[in-house]
Amino acid sequence: MGIAGISIWPLYYFGATSGYSGRAHMFVQADCFLYAFIVGFLWTAVPRFTATAAPTRPVQYCVAGLLLAAAIAFEAYFYLTGHLLFLAAHAIFITVTARRFLQRKAPPPDTFSLVGVGMLAGTIGALVNAAVAEEWIDPSWDLVGRRMLTEGMVLLLVLGVGGFLGPRLLGFAELPNFQAIGRLSGQTRPPLMVGKKAQLYALAGVVILASVLFEYGFAFPGLAWLRAAVATAVVCVTLRPWRLPVARTTLAWCVWVAHWFLIVALWAVCVAPVYRIDLLHIMFMGAFTLMILAIGTRVVLSHGGHPLAEERKSWPLRIGLTTGLIALLARLGAPLASQSYYGHLAGAALLWIAGMVFWGIFLARRIRS
């Protein structure tokens, strides 16, 4: 799905297609590619964090099928169909995840209150996008729906998941044994997440969600500064990014660099709003891609019983990191080179695809074994 979403640029540049749709590109990348990793990770993590059972295989196949069908619909420009398919997948995901929370035998991490707000942002974005596609609401809300998925849902999920896993992947903390906590609690259900930390993280998430809604829906550009400040505060409290990783592994450096990309992207958009869409790719191609590379590698190695020593000098990660950084530079240079704008986009896309394919083959081999 990631390759399908980004290949429009080299196909257009080399004349294989007569046109392109940046809209389809955005929805395939956010609703399908990124969302597939979101579902895969959280349906691995949440059952373990709450000491509950993993979702059944048919449910997993159902959501995967819906996302694949949505990607095909977006690529064919059937936007309403794509949004409805995504809404169906999102509803199943929320239902299954909420049931695990209600059945919990161990309390989830405090930062996961941000994940809950992120799911709300995804719902709002999907509903707005579907309503715009069906012309039920004014087209001016189109940007609200799209940004609610990226600067809302995915950003909040990265803050929530990264806020808990980040310090542990960098070597600053140990992963708690949630299964042991669940056994100790017996049949007693832990209280709802009402601790002060969870409340503060939830409040930060609501502020970020509201800033996206009011900035893009009601033309309050100054709210980008508020969003940058709140998100940076969350990263600083949870990760303390000024500290170098204790775990000197390729994976740890990926996580560390990803969070710095996140901070830089948020503030760069405030300083140079005229290049907003270009600078947001620091977040998309930098922060989000590196988090996918790092966390995807850790999940496959740890849950597959492979030695975590592979994280130390992981060439698939290093190649993905290197090609991703060069691709990002090419993408950022595109608006500054009007004569070769589409050449920059095509080059960036091909580099990104090459890195992700190399990394993907590495993971597929580990999954098979």
Protein backbone atom coordinates (compact mmCIF):
# COMPACT_ATOMS: atom_id res chain seq x y z
CA MET A 1 0.00 0.00 0.00
CA GLY A 2 2.90 2.33 0.73
CA ILE A 3 4.40 1.66 -2.68
CA ALA A 4 1.01 2.15 -4.34
CA GLY A 5 0.53 5.46 -2.60
CA ILE A 6 3.90 6.94 -3.49
CA SER A 7 4.52 5.46 -6.94
CA ILE A 8 2.31 8.08 -8.60
CA TRP A 9 5.28 10.46 -8.78
CA PRO A 10 7.76 8.29 -10.72
CA LEU A 11 4.94 6.95 -12.92
CA TYR A 12 3.96 10.48 -13.88
CA TYR A 13 7.53 11.73 -14.25
CA PHE A 14 8.53 8.90 -16.60
CA GLY A 15 5.36 9.24 -18.66
CA ALA A 16 3.66 6.00 -17.61
CA THR A 17 0.57 8.01 -16.59
CA SER A 18 -0.86 11.21 -18.03
CA GLY A 19 -1.75 12.70 -14.66
CA TYR A 20 -1.60 12.21 -10.92
CA SER A 21 -3.72 12.79 -7.83
CA GLY A 22 -2.07 14.19 -4.75
CA ARG A 23 -5.38 13.58 -3.01
CA ALA A 24 -5.27 9.84 -3.68
CA HIS A 25 -1.61 9.83 -2.62
CA MET A 26 -2.50 11.38 0.73
CA PHE A 27 -5.42 9.09 1.53
CA VAL A 28 -3.59 5.89 0.58
CA GLN A 29 -0.61 6.86 2.73
CA ALA A 30 -2.63 7.96 5.78
CA ASP A 31 -5.75 5.76 5.73
CA CYS A 32 -4.07 2.60 4.44
CA PHE A 33 -0.27 2.46 4.71
CA LEU A 34 0.18 4.23 8.05
CA TYR A 35 -3.07 2.92 9.46
CA ALA A 36 -2.08 -0.70 8.72
CA PHE A 37 0.97 -0.26 10.97
CA ILE A 38 -1.16 1.45 13.61
CA VAL A 39 -3.61 -1.47 13.75
CA GLY A 40 -0.87 -4.08 13.60
CA PHE A 41 1.13 -2.54 16.41
CA LEU A 42 -1.74 -1.70 18.74
CA TRP A 43 -3.39 -5.09 18.28
CA THR A 44 -0.05 -6.58 19.32
CA ALA A 45 0.62 -4.17 22.18
CA VAL A 46 -2.79 -3.51 23.74
CA PRO A 47 -3.59 -7.20 24.53
CA ARG A 48 -0.18 -7.51 26.21
CA PHE A 49 -0.46 -4.22 28.08
CA THR A 50 -3.94 -5.13 29.34
CA ALA A 51 -3.20 -8.88 29.81
CA THR A 52 -6.07 -9.83 27.50
CA ALA A 53 -6.42 -12.05 24.43
CA ALA A 54 -5.26 -10.95 20.99
CA PRO A 55 -7.96 -10.30 18.33
CA THR A 56 -9.03 -13.38 16.39
CA ARG A 57 -7.46 -14.12 13.01
CA PRO A 58 -10.73 -13.58 11.04
CA VAL A 59 -11.09 -10.10 12.56
CA GLN A 60 -7.51 -9.27 11.61
CA TYR A 61 -8.08 -10.49 8.04
CA CYS A 62 -11.30 -8.48 7.85
CA VAL A 63 -9.61 -5.20 8.75
CA ALA A 64 -6.65 -5.94 6.47
CA GLY A 65 -9.06 -6.64 3.61
CA LEU A 66 -10.99 -3.43 4.23
CA LEU A 67 -7.79 -1.36 4.19
CA LEU A 68 -6.60 -3.02 0.99
CA ALA A 69 -9.98 -2.40 -0.63
CA ALA A 70 -9.86 1.23 0.54
CA ALA A 71 -6.43 1.66 -1.07
CA ILE A 72 -7.76 0.32 -4.37
CA ALA A 73 -10.78 2.63 -4.16
CA PHE A 74 -8.61 5.69 -3.50
CA GLU A 75 -6.25 4.80 -6.36
CA ALA A 76 -9.31 4.53 -8.65
CA TYR A 77 -10.58 7.94 -7.36
CA PHE A 78 -13.68 6.40 -5.73
CA TYR A 79 -13.18 8.58 -2.69
CA LEU A 80 -16.52 8.06 -0.96
CA THR A 81 -16.13 4.29 -1.23
CA GLY A 82 -12.60 4.53 0.14
CA HIS A 83 -13.69 6.65 3.10
CA LEU A 84 -16.58 4.32 3.95
CA LEU A 85 -14.27 1.30 3.83
CA PHE A 86 -11.82 3.09 6.10
CA LEU A 87 -14.63 4.03 8.49
CA ALA A 88 -15.67 0.38 8.67
CA ALA A 89 -12.10 -0.71 9.44
CA HIS A 90 -11.71 2.09 11.99
CA ALA A 91 -14.98 1.14 13.72
CA ILE A 92 -13.89 -2.50 14.02
CA PHE A 93 -10.49 -1.48 15.32
CA ILE A 94 -11.96 0.84 17.98
CA THR A 95 -14.54 -1.77 19.05
CA VAL A 96 -12.01 -4.55 19.45
CA THR A 97 -9.50 -2.30 21.22
CA ALA A 98 -12.13 -0.85 23.56
CA ARG A 99 -13.26 -4.36 24.54
CA ARG A 100 -9.68 -5.24 25.47
CA PHE A 101 -9.55 -2.14 27.63
CA LEU A 102 -12.82 -3.03 29.37
CA GLN A 103 -11.56 -6.58 30.00
CA ARG A 104 -8.15 -5.38 31.19
CA LYS A 105 -6.29 -7.13 33.99
CA ALA A 106 -3.48 -4.59 33.93
CA PRO A 107 -3.67 -0.80 33.45
CA PRO A 108 -2.36 0.50 30.11
CA PRO A 109 0.48 3.08 30.09
CA ASP A 110 -0.45 6.66 30.99
CA THR A 111 0.54 7.99 27.56
CA PHE A 112 -2.02 5.71 25.92
CA SER A 113 -4.68 8.29 26.76
CA LEU A 114 -3.17 10.10 23.76
CA VAL A 115 -3.91 7.00 21.67
CA GLY A 116 -7.56 7.26 22.65
CA VAL A 117 -7.73 10.91 21.57
CA GLY A 118 -5.93 9.93 18.37
CA MET A 119 -8.64 7.40 17.59
CA LEU A 120 -11.23 10.14 18.11
CA ALA A 121 -9.32 12.39 15.70
CA GLY A 122 -9.30 9.60 13.13
CA THR A 123 -13.05 9.18 13.46
CA ILE A 124 -13.65 12.92 13.01
CA GLY A 125 -11.33 13.05 10.01
CA ALA A 126 -12.92 10.03 8.33
CA LEU A 127 -16.46 11.38 8.84
CA VAL A 128 -15.51 14.82 7.50
CA ASN A 129 -13.77 13.29 4.47
CA ALA A 130 -16.78 11.10 3.67
CA ALA A 131 -19.16 14.05 4.08
CA VAL A 132 -17.05 16.22 1.75
CA ALA A 133 -16.87 13.43 -0.84
CA GLU A 134 -20.67 13.05 -0.75
CA GLU A 135 -21.08 16.87 -0.81
CA TRP A 136 -23.00 16.88 2.45
CA ILE A 137 -20.80 19.67 3.83
CA ASP A 138 -18.91 22.57 2.28
CA PRO A 139 -15.70 21.60 0.41
CA SER A 140 -13.81 24.09 2.58
CA TRP A 141 -13.82 21.39 5.29
CA ASP A 142 -11.73 19.12 3.08
CA LEU A 143 -8.48 20.30 4.65
CA VAL A 144 -9.87 19.68 8.15
CA GLY A 145 -10.57 16.06 7.32
CA ARG A 146 -7.17 15.44 5.78
CA ARG A 147 -5.16 17.18 8.48
CA MET A 148 -7.19 15.49 11.21
CA LEU A 149 -5.73 12.20 9.97
CA THR A 150 -2.09 13.30 9.80
CA GLU A 151 -1.51 16.17 12.23
CA GLY A 152 -4.29 14.76 14.41
CA MET A 153 -4.60 10.96 14.49
CA VAL A 154 -1.12 9.82 13.46
CA LEU A 155 0.67 12.57 15.40
CA LEU A 156 -1.25 11.70 18.58
CA LEU A 157 -0.57 7.99 18.13
CA VAL A 158 3.14 8.63 17.68
CA LEU A 159 3.18 10.76 20.82
CA GLY A 160 1.22 8.16 22.79
CA VAL A 161 3.13 5.08 21.64
CA GLY A 162 6.50 6.82 21.39
CA GLY A 163 6.02 8.39 24.81
CA PHE A 164 5.92 4.92 26.37
CA LEU A 165 8.13 2.81 24.09
CA GLY A 166 10.63 5.53 23.21
CA PRO A 167 12.44 5.70 26.58
CA ARG A 168 12.54 1.89 26.69
CA LEU A 169 13.93 1.51 23.18
CA LEU A 170 16.54 4.18 23.97
CA GLY A 171 17.61 2.28 27.09
CA PHE A 172 16.29 4.76 29.68
CA ALA A 173 13.73 2.37 31.20
CA GLU A 174 12.68 -1.27 31.31
CA LEU A 175 9.51 -2.70 29.82
CA PRO A 176 7.15 -3.77 32.63
CA ASN A 177 5.90 -7.36 32.72
CA PHE A 178 2.21 -6.72 32.01
CA GLN A 179 1.37 -10.41 32.01
CA ALA A 180 2.77 -10.78 35.53
CA ILE A 181 0.85 -7.69 36.65
CA GLY A 182 -2.30 -9.23 35.22
CA ARG A 183 -1.76 -12.51 37.09
CA LEU A 184 -1.14 -10.65 40.35
CA SER A 185 -4.32 -8.64 39.94
CA GLY A 186 -6.36 -11.83 39.50
CA GLN A 187 -9.93 -11.05 38.57
CA THR A 188 -9.77 -7.52 39.93
CA ARG A 189 -10.07 -4.97 37.17
CA PRO A 190 -7.72 -2.01 37.56
CA PRO A 191 -9.44 1.36 37.85
CA LEU A 192 -10.08 3.50 34.79
CA MET A 193 -7.14 5.67 33.71
CA VAL A 194 -7.83 8.64 35.96
CA GLY A 195 -4.33 9.28 37.26
CA LYS A 196 -3.00 12.78 37.01
CA LYS A 197 -0.45 11.88 34.34
CA ALA A 198 -3.04 10.16 32.17
CA GLN A 199 -5.36 13.16 32.58
CA LEU A 200 -2.62 15.59 31.58
CA TYR A 201 -1.74 13.53 28.51
CA ALA A 202 -5.41 13.35 27.57
CA LEU A 203 -5.69 17.12 27.96
CA ALA A 204 -2.65 17.61 25.74
CA GLY A 205 -4.26 15.36 23.15
CA VAL A 206 -7.52 17.29 23.23
CA VAL A 207 -5.62 20.57 22.78
CA ILE A 208 -3.80 19.16 19.73
CA LEU A 209 -7.06 17.85 18.26
CA ALA A 210 -8.81 21.18 18.85
CA SER A 211 -5.90 23.10 17.34
CA VAL A 212 -6.21 21.10 14.11
CA LEU A 213 -9.98 21.59 14.00
CA PHE A 214 -9.94 25.34 14.61
CA GLU A 215 -6.84 26.14 12.57
CA TYR A 216 -8.03 24.46 9.39
CA GLY A 217 -11.78 24.74 9.94
CA PHE A 218 -12.06 28.28 11.26
CA ALA A 219 -8.83 29.90 9.99
CA PHE A 220 -6.86 30.35 13.21
CA PRO A 221 -3.27 29.96 11.86
CA GLY A 222 -1.72 30.86 15.21
CA LEU A 223 -2.88 27.55 16.63
CA ALA A 224 -0.03 25.81 14.79
CA TRP A 225 2.28 27.38 17.38
CA LEU A 226 0.14 25.97 20.20
CA ARG A 227 0.16 22.50 18.63
CA ALA A 228 3.94 22.62 18.21
CA ALA A 229 4.41 23.73 21.83
CA VAL A 230 2.13 21.04 23.30
CA ALA A 231 3.55 18.20 21.18
CA THR A 232 7.12 19.29 21.96
CA ALA A 233 6.29 19.41 25.66
CA VAL A 234 4.97 15.82 25.51
CA VAL A 235 8.15 14.63 23.76
CA CYS A 236 10.36 16.49 26.24
CA VAL A 237 8.53 15.07 29.28
CA THR A 238 8.42 11.48 28.04
CA LEU A 239 11.64 11.12 26.04
CA ARG A 240 13.96 13.96 27.06
CA PRO A 241 15.39 14.06 23.53
CA TRP A 242 18.42 16.15 24.51
CA ARG A 243 19.87 12.95 26.01
CA LEU A 244 21.68 10.59 23.66
CA PRO A 245 20.44 6.98 23.64
CA VAL A 246 21.92 4.69 26.27
CA ALA A 247 21.29 1.73 23.97
CA ARG A 248 23.77 2.42 21.17
CA THR A 249 21.90 0.46 18.51
CA THR A 250 20.73 1.41 15.04
CA LEU A 251 17.15 0.97 16.24
CA ALA A 252 17.62 3.36 19.17
CA TRP A 253 19.13 6.02 16.91
CA CYS A 254 16.15 5.65 14.54
CA VAL A 255 13.74 6.36 17.41
CA TRP A 256 15.81 9.28 18.68
CA VAL A 257 16.13 10.90 15.24
CA ALA A 258 12.43 10.32 14.53
CA HIS A 259 11.41 12.38 17.57
CA TRP A 260 13.73 15.21 16.58
CA PHE A 261 12.22 15.19 13.09
CA LEU A 262 8.79 15.46 14.73
CA ILE A 263 9.82 18.53 16.72
CA VAL A 264 11.56 20.21 13.76
CA ALA A 265 8.56 19.62 11.47
CA LEU A 266 6.06 21.11 13.90
CA TRP A 267 8.06 24.30 14.40
CA ALA A 268 9.17 24.64 10.76
CA VAL A 269 5.52 24.75 9.68
CA CYS A 270 4.97 27.66 12.08
CA VAL A 271 8.00 29.60 10.87
CA ALA A 272 7.41 29.07 7.12
CA PRO A 273 3.69 28.37 6.60
CA VAL A 274 3.96 29.07 2.86
CA TYR A 275 5.88 25.77 2.56
CA ARG A 276 3.55 23.92 4.93
CA ILE A 277 2.87 20.86 2.79
CA ASP A 278 6.56 20.48 1.95
CA LEU A 279 7.74 20.90 5.54
CA LEU A 280 5.11 18.49 6.83
CA HIS A 281 7.00 15.81 4.90
CA ILE A 282 9.71 16.12 7.56
CA MET A 283 7.07 14.57 9.81
CA PHE A 284 5.70 12.12 7.22
CA MET A 285 8.93 10.89 5.59
CA GLY A 286 11.14 11.53 8.60
CA ALA A 287 9.38 10.93 11.91
CA PHE A 288 6.61 8.54 10.84
CA THR A 289 8.75 6.42 8.52
CA LEU A 290 11.58 6.04 11.03
CA MET A 291 9.13 5.08 13.79
CA ILE A 292 7.67 2.43 11.49
CA LEU A 293 11.14 1.07 10.68
CA ALA A 294 12.23 0.97 14.32
CA ILE A 295 9.09 -0.29 16.04
CA GLY A 296 8.28 -2.71 13.22
CA THR A 297 11.75 -4.22 13.58
CA ARG A 298 11.48 -4.53 17.37
CA VAL A 299 8.04 -6.15 17.22
CA VAL A 300 9.06 -8.74 14.62
CA LEU A 301 12.32 -9.63 16.37
CA SER A 302 10.95 -9.77 19.92
CA HIS A 303 7.66 -11.52 19.21
CA GLY A 304 9.29 -13.84 16.69
CA GLY A 305 11.87 -15.09 19.17
CA HIS A 306 14.83 -13.64 17.25
CA PRO A 307 17.87 -12.19 19.07
CA LEU A 308 17.58 -8.47 19.75
CA ALA A 309 21.30 -8.20 19.02
CA GLU A 310 20.22 -7.77 15.40
CA GLU A 311 19.11 -4.27 16.34
CA ARG A 312 22.67 -3.18 17.10
CA LYS A 313 24.02 -3.06 13.56
CA SER A 314 20.93 -3.69 11.48
CA TRP A 315 21.81 -3.04 7.85
CA PRO A 316 18.16 -3.10 6.70
CA LEU A 317 17.47 -0.35 9.25
CA ARG A 318 20.57 1.58 8.24
CA ILE A 319 19.70 1.37 4.57
CA GLY A 320 16.09 2.39 5.28
CA LEU A 321 17.34 5.28 7.42
CA THR A 322 19.84 6.45 4.78
CA THR A 323 17.53 6.22 1.77
CA GLY A 324 14.77 7.85 3.81
CA LEU A 325 16.97 10.81 4.73
CA ILE A 326 18.16 11.33 1.14
CA ALA A 327 14.56 11.00 -0.08
CA LEU A 328 13.48 13.61 2.45
CA LEU A 329 16.16 16.03 1.25
CA ALA A 330 15.00 15.51 -2.34
CA ARG A 331 11.39 16.17 -1.34
CA LEU A 332 12.29 19.33 0.58
CA GLY A 333 14.32 20.58 -2.39
CA ALA A 334 11.44 20.15 -4.83
CA PRO A 335 9.74 23.57 -4.29
CA LEU A 336 13.12 25.28 -4.61
CA ALA A 337 13.79 23.73 -8.03
CA SER A 338 10.80 24.59 -10.19
CA GLN A 339 12.45 23.28 -13.38
CA SER A 340 12.95 19.82 -11.89
CA TYR A 341 10.10 19.73 -9.37
CA TYR A 342 8.64 16.41 -10.51
CA GLY A 343 12.11 14.94 -10.91
CA HIS A 344 12.71 15.63 -7.23
CA LEU A 345 9.39 13.98 -6.32
CA ALA A 346 10.16 10.93 -8.48
CA GLY A 347 13.66 10.58 -7.06
CA ALA A 348 12.40 10.91 -3.50
CA ALA A 349 9.71 8.32 -4.14
CA LEU A 350 12.11 5.80 -5.69
CA LEU A 351 14.58 6.17 -2.82
CA TRP A 352 11.82 5.75 -0.23
CA ILE A 353 10.46 2.69 -2.02
CA ALA A 354 13.93 1.12 -2.29
CA GLY A 355 14.61 1.49 1.42
CA MET A 356 11.20 0.21 2.47
CA VAL A 357 11.41 -2.79 0.11
CA PHE A 358 14.85 -3.78 1.39
CA TRP A 359 13.66 -3.49 4.99
CA GLY A 360 10.40 -5.27 4.16
CA ILE A 361 12.21 -8.26 2.65
CA PHE A 362 14.34 -8.50 5.79
CA LEU A 363 11.23 -8.51 8.01
CA ALA A 364 9.37 -10.97 5.80
CA ARG A 365 12.25 -13.43 6.11
CA ARG A 366 12.22 -13.07 9.89
CA ILE A 367 8.44 -13.54 10.02
CA ARG A 368 8.66 -16.74 7.93
CA SER A 369 11.33 -18.18 10.21
